[in-house]
Amino acid sequence: MPRHVAIIMDGNGRWAQAQGLPRVAGHKAGVDSVRAITRDAAEIGVKYLTLYAFSTENWLRPRSEVTQLWSIMARALHMETSRLHKNNVRLRALGRLDGLPSPVRAELQRSVEKLKDNTGLNLNLALNYGSRQEIVDAVTSLLASGAKEVTEETISSRLYTAGLPDPDLVIRTSGELRLSNFLLWQSAYAEIYVTPVFWPDFRRTHLEAALTEFARRRRRFGGL
C-alpha cells in the first residue's frame, strides 16, 4: 500500500465534449470524483492524498473558464468541508496561495482551520501550483534566510510540501503521458500509473487497479 498517492486529475473538458456538454460540466462532474476518491482512499488505507486541482499554467485558459473553475472550487470547499470533517480528513493547500481569488482563499482558510486537528486522511490540494515555481520559491527562501549551504534536505524543508512524505504513486487520468509540472522534485522515485479514464469517470475500481499495479512493482530506488 503506498503511503502517499498523488493524482493529476485530467480529462474534465474532454469528458464533457464527448457528451456534447460545455467544458464547465466536466469540471463540475470532477468534483464528484474528488469526493468519491477522497472517501475511498481513506477507507482503503492511504494516509496522504494529493490532488492537482489548478496549475499555474491553467491561468492561460480562456478567462471565462478560469472564472468558472474558481467558482466551482469555492463552492466545493464551502459544501464539502463538513463532510470532510465528519470523515476526520485534514486539509492542506500547496501552491502560491496568495495568488488565489479572494473568495477562494477565504473559503480555503476556513476549511483548513476547521479541519486542522483531524487525524485521518491528509488531503492536499495543489492550487495555483507549479513545481518549477515551487523549487524557485524554495531556493529564494533559502537565500533570504542567509543559508550558507544548499542541500537536498534544506530545499525539501522549504518546499510547499515540507513535512509531507514524498509520493509513492503518481496517477494520471485521461491517458496523457507527462507530469505537467507536478511534484517534480518529490516524485523523483515515485511509481507512475496512467489510465485512459477521464477524471469524471474515475472511481474506486480504477483507484484499486492503480494500487494493484503498484503492488506488483519492485522499487529499487536506483539500487539492485
Protein backbone atom coordinates (compact mmCIF):
# COMPACT_ATOMS: atom_id res chain seq x y z
CA MET A 1 0.00 0.00 0.00
CA PRO A 2 1.51 3.35 -0.98
CA ARG A 3 1.60 5.78 1.90
CA HIS A 4 1.18 8.82 -0.36
CA VAL A 5 -0.81 8.86 -3.60
CA ALA A 6 -0.78 11.91 -5.87
CA ILE A 7 -3.24 12.32 -8.73
CA ILE A 8 -3.13 14.51 -11.83
CA MET A 9 -6.87 14.92 -12.40
CA ASP A 10 -7.06 15.27 -16.16
CA GLY A 11 -9.75 14.98 -18.79
CA ASN A 12 -12.68 17.02 -17.45
CA GLY A 13 -13.04 19.07 -20.62
CA ARG A 14 -12.72 16.10 -22.99
CA TRP A 15 -15.24 14.13 -20.90
CA ALA A 16 -17.75 16.96 -21.32
CA GLN A 17 -17.08 17.42 -25.01
CA ALA A 18 -17.53 13.69 -25.65
CA GLN A 19 -21.01 14.02 -24.22
CA GLY A 20 -21.86 17.19 -26.10
CA LEU A 21 -21.68 19.30 -22.93
CA PRO A 22 -19.80 22.55 -22.20
CA ARG A 23 -16.38 22.11 -20.62
CA VAL A 24 -17.60 23.52 -17.32
CA ALA A 25 -19.89 20.48 -16.97
CA GLY A 26 -16.77 18.32 -16.86
CA HIS A 27 -15.25 20.40 -14.09
CA LYS A 28 -18.46 20.13 -12.06
CA ALA A 29 -18.55 16.37 -12.58
CA GLY A 30 -14.93 16.23 -11.48
CA VAL A 31 -15.95 17.41 -8.02
CA ASP A 32 -17.96 14.20 -7.63
CA SER A 33 -14.82 12.21 -8.37
CA VAL A 34 -12.84 14.18 -5.79
CA ARG A 35 -15.49 13.41 -3.19
CA ALA A 36 -15.60 9.71 -4.07
CA ILE A 37 -11.84 9.16 -4.29
CA THR A 38 -11.15 11.05 -1.07
CA ARG A 39 -13.61 8.79 0.73
CA ASP A 40 -12.31 5.63 -0.95
CA ALA A 41 -8.64 6.41 -0.39
CA ALA A 42 -9.32 6.90 3.32
CA GLU A 43 -11.26 3.62 3.53
CA ILE A 44 -8.55 1.70 1.67
CA GLY A 45 -5.84 2.99 3.99
CA VAL A 46 -3.97 5.67 2.03
CA LYS A 47 -2.52 8.16 4.51
CA TYR A 48 -1.78 11.08 2.15
CA LEU A 49 -3.67 12.06 -0.98
CA THR A 50 -2.53 14.99 -3.12
CA LEU A 51 -4.78 16.24 -5.91
CA TYR A 52 -3.59 18.56 -8.69
CA ALA A 53 -6.53 20.94 -8.78
CA PHE A 54 -5.22 24.07 -10.56
CA SER A 55 -1.80 24.64 -12.08
CA THR A 56 0.00 27.91 -12.65
CA GLU A 57 -0.37 27.18 -16.38
CA ASN A 58 -4.16 26.90 -16.08
CA TRP A 59 -4.31 30.69 -15.97
CA LEU A 60 -3.63 30.55 -19.73
CA ARG A 61 -7.09 29.11 -20.38
CA PRO A 62 -9.94 31.39 -21.51
CA ARG A 63 -10.88 33.84 -18.78
CA SER A 64 -14.47 32.59 -18.65
CA GLU A 65 -13.32 29.02 -17.97
CA VAL A 66 -10.85 30.14 -15.31
CA THR A 67 -13.57 32.16 -13.58
CA GLN A 68 -15.89 29.16 -13.63
CA LEU A 69 -13.16 26.90 -12.27
CA TRP A 70 -12.57 29.12 -9.28
CA SER A 71 -16.30 29.47 -8.67
CA ILE A 72 -16.62 25.68 -8.63
CA MET A 73 -13.65 25.45 -6.27
CA ALA A 74 -15.08 27.98 -3.81
CA ARG A 75 -18.45 26.26 -3.80
CA ALA A 76 -16.91 22.81 -3.36
CA LEU A 77 -14.87 23.97 -0.37
CA HIS A 78 -17.96 25.54 1.16
CA MET A 79 -20.14 22.48 0.59
CA GLU A 80 -17.66 19.68 1.33
CA THR A 81 -15.86 20.85 4.45
CA SER A 82 -18.48 19.49 6.86
CA ARG A 83 -18.36 16.11 5.12
CA LEU A 84 -14.56 16.08 5.31
CA HIS A 85 -14.72 16.97 8.99
CA LYS A 86 -17.17 14.15 9.67
CA ASN A 87 -14.74 11.76 7.98
CA ASN A 88 -11.77 13.03 10.05
CA VAL A 89 -9.92 14.41 6.99
CA ARG A 90 -7.21 17.02 7.42
CA LEU A 91 -6.77 19.57 4.61
CA ARG A 92 -3.67 21.34 3.37
CA ALA A 93 -3.14 23.53 0.32
CA LEU A 94 0.04 23.63 -1.78
CA GLY A 95 0.98 26.42 -4.15
CA ARG A 96 1.25 30.17 -4.46
CA LEU A 97 -1.86 30.70 -2.38
CA ASP A 98 -1.59 34.50 -2.29
CA GLY A 99 -2.47 34.40 -5.99
CA LEU A 100 -5.87 32.79 -5.44
CA PRO A 101 -9.04 34.84 -5.92
CA SER A 102 -10.03 36.28 -2.55
CA PRO A 103 -13.32 34.30 -2.22
CA VAL A 104 -11.46 31.03 -2.82
CA ARG A 105 -8.69 32.00 -0.42
CA ALA A 106 -11.24 32.83 2.27
CA GLU A 107 -13.10 29.53 1.85
CA LEU A 108 -9.81 27.65 1.81
CA GLN A 109 -8.62 29.28 5.03
CA ARG A 110 -11.90 28.45 6.75
CA SER A 111 -11.70 24.84 5.61
CA VAL A 112 -8.07 24.37 6.66
CA GLU A 113 -8.79 25.89 10.06
CA LYS A 114 -11.83 23.70 10.69
CA LEU A 115 -10.03 20.51 9.68
CA LYS A 116 -6.60 21.20 11.18
CA ASP A 117 -6.95 18.89 14.20
CA ASN A 118 -8.28 15.87 12.32
CA THR A 119 -6.18 12.73 12.37
CA GLY A 120 -7.38 10.69 9.40
CA LEU A 121 -6.52 11.07 5.73
CA ASN A 122 -4.26 14.02 4.88
CA LEU A 123 -5.80 15.64 1.80
CA ASN A 124 -3.55 18.08 -0.05
CA LEU A 125 -4.92 20.34 -2.78
CA ALA A 126 -2.39 21.73 -5.24
CA LEU A 127 -3.83 25.15 -6.12
CA ASN A 128 -2.07 27.72 -8.27
CA TYR A 129 0.70 25.14 -8.15
CA GLY A 130 3.70 24.67 -10.39
CA SER A 131 6.64 22.50 -9.40
CA ARG A 132 9.31 24.64 -11.07
CA GLN A 133 7.90 27.69 -9.32
CA GLU A 134 7.90 25.75 -6.06
CA ILE A 135 11.60 24.95 -6.39
CA VAL A 136 12.37 28.60 -7.25
CA ASP A 137 10.40 29.73 -4.20
CA ALA A 138 12.27 27.22 -2.00
CA VAL A 139 15.70 28.40 -3.17
CA THR A 140 14.65 32.06 -2.86
CA SER A 141 13.54 31.38 0.70
CA LEU A 142 16.86 29.74 1.50
CA LEU A 143 18.82 32.68 0.08
CA ALA A 144 16.69 35.14 2.04
CA SER A 145 17.36 33.19 5.24
CA GLY A 146 21.11 33.58 4.77
CA ALA A 147 21.67 29.83 4.49
CA LYS A 148 25.34 29.04 3.98
CA GLU A 149 24.72 25.69 2.31
CA VAL A 150 22.13 24.29 -0.08
CA THR A 151 21.39 20.59 0.23
CA GLU A 152 18.56 18.27 -0.79
CA GLU A 153 17.34 18.39 2.79
CA THR A 154 17.30 22.18 3.04
CA ILE A 155 15.48 22.52 -0.28
CA SER A 156 12.92 19.90 0.78
CA SER A 157 12.34 21.78 4.00
CA ARG A 158 11.34 24.91 2.04
CA LEU A 159 9.03 23.27 -0.50
CA TYR A 160 5.26 23.69 -0.21
CA THR A 161 5.20 20.00 0.77
CA ALA A 162 7.60 20.39 3.71
CA GLY A 163 6.74 17.82 6.35
CA LEU A 164 4.94 15.52 3.91
CA PRO A 165 6.37 12.21 2.70
CA ASP A 166 7.23 12.07 -0.98
CA PRO A 167 4.56 10.43 -3.13
CA ASP A 168 4.96 6.71 -3.69
CA LEU A 169 2.49 6.62 -6.57
CA VAL A 170 1.51 9.28 -9.10
CA ILE A 171 -1.68 8.57 -11.04
CA ARG A 172 -2.60 10.45 -14.19
CA THR A 173 -6.02 10.14 -15.73
CA SER A 174 -7.06 10.66 -19.40
CA GLY A 175 -4.09 8.80 -20.90
CA GLU A 176 -1.65 11.71 -21.19
CA LEU A 177 1.99 10.70 -20.60
CA ARG A 178 3.54 13.65 -18.79
CA LEU A 179 3.87 15.11 -15.29
CA SER A 180 2.76 18.62 -16.28
CA ASN A 181 4.94 20.46 -13.77
CA PHE A 182 3.56 18.46 -10.84
CA LEU A 183 5.71 17.42 -7.85
CA LEU A 184 8.86 17.12 -9.98
CA TRP A 185 11.24 17.16 -7.02
CA GLN A 186 9.08 14.96 -4.80
CA SER A 187 8.30 12.37 -7.49
CA ALA A 188 11.94 11.50 -8.25
CA TYR A 189 11.31 7.86 -7.28
CA ALA A 190 7.53 7.68 -7.43
CA GLU A 191 5.88 4.96 -9.46
CA ILE A 192 3.78 6.42 -12.28
CA TYR A 193 0.46 4.93 -13.37
CA VAL A 194 -1.51 6.24 -16.34
CA THR A 195 -5.12 5.34 -17.09
CA PRO A 196 -7.15 6.35 -20.16
CA VAL A 197 -10.15 7.01 -17.92
CA PHE A 198 -11.19 10.66 -17.77
CA TRP A 199 -11.24 12.12 -14.28
CA PRO A 200 -15.06 12.47 -14.01
CA ASP A 201 -15.34 8.70 -14.55
CA PHE A 202 -12.52 7.76 -12.16
CA ARG A 203 -13.85 5.74 -9.23
CA ARG A 204 -12.80 3.19 -6.62
CA THR A 205 -12.30 0.35 -9.12
CA HIS A 206 -9.83 2.49 -11.06
CA LEU A 207 -8.01 3.50 -7.88
CA GLU A 208 -7.79 -0.13 -6.82
CA ALA A 209 -6.39 -1.07 -10.24
CA ALA A 210 -3.63 1.51 -9.77
CA LEU A 211 -2.87 0.22 -6.27
CA THR A 212 -2.77 -3.36 -7.55
CA GLU A 213 -0.29 -2.37 -10.25
CA PHE A 214 1.78 -0.50 -7.65
CA ALA A 215 1.94 -3.65 -5.51
CA ARG A 216 3.37 -5.61 -8.46
CA ARG A 217 6.28 -3.26 -8.99
CA ARG A 218 9.67 -3.62 -7.38
CA ARG A 219 11.01 -0.30 -6.16
CA ARG A 220 14.80 -0.26 -6.22
CA PHE A 221 15.48 3.47 -5.79
CA GLY A 222 18.49 3.25 -8.08
CA GLY A 223 19.91 0.15 -6.42
CA LEU A 224 19.69 -3.56 -7.18
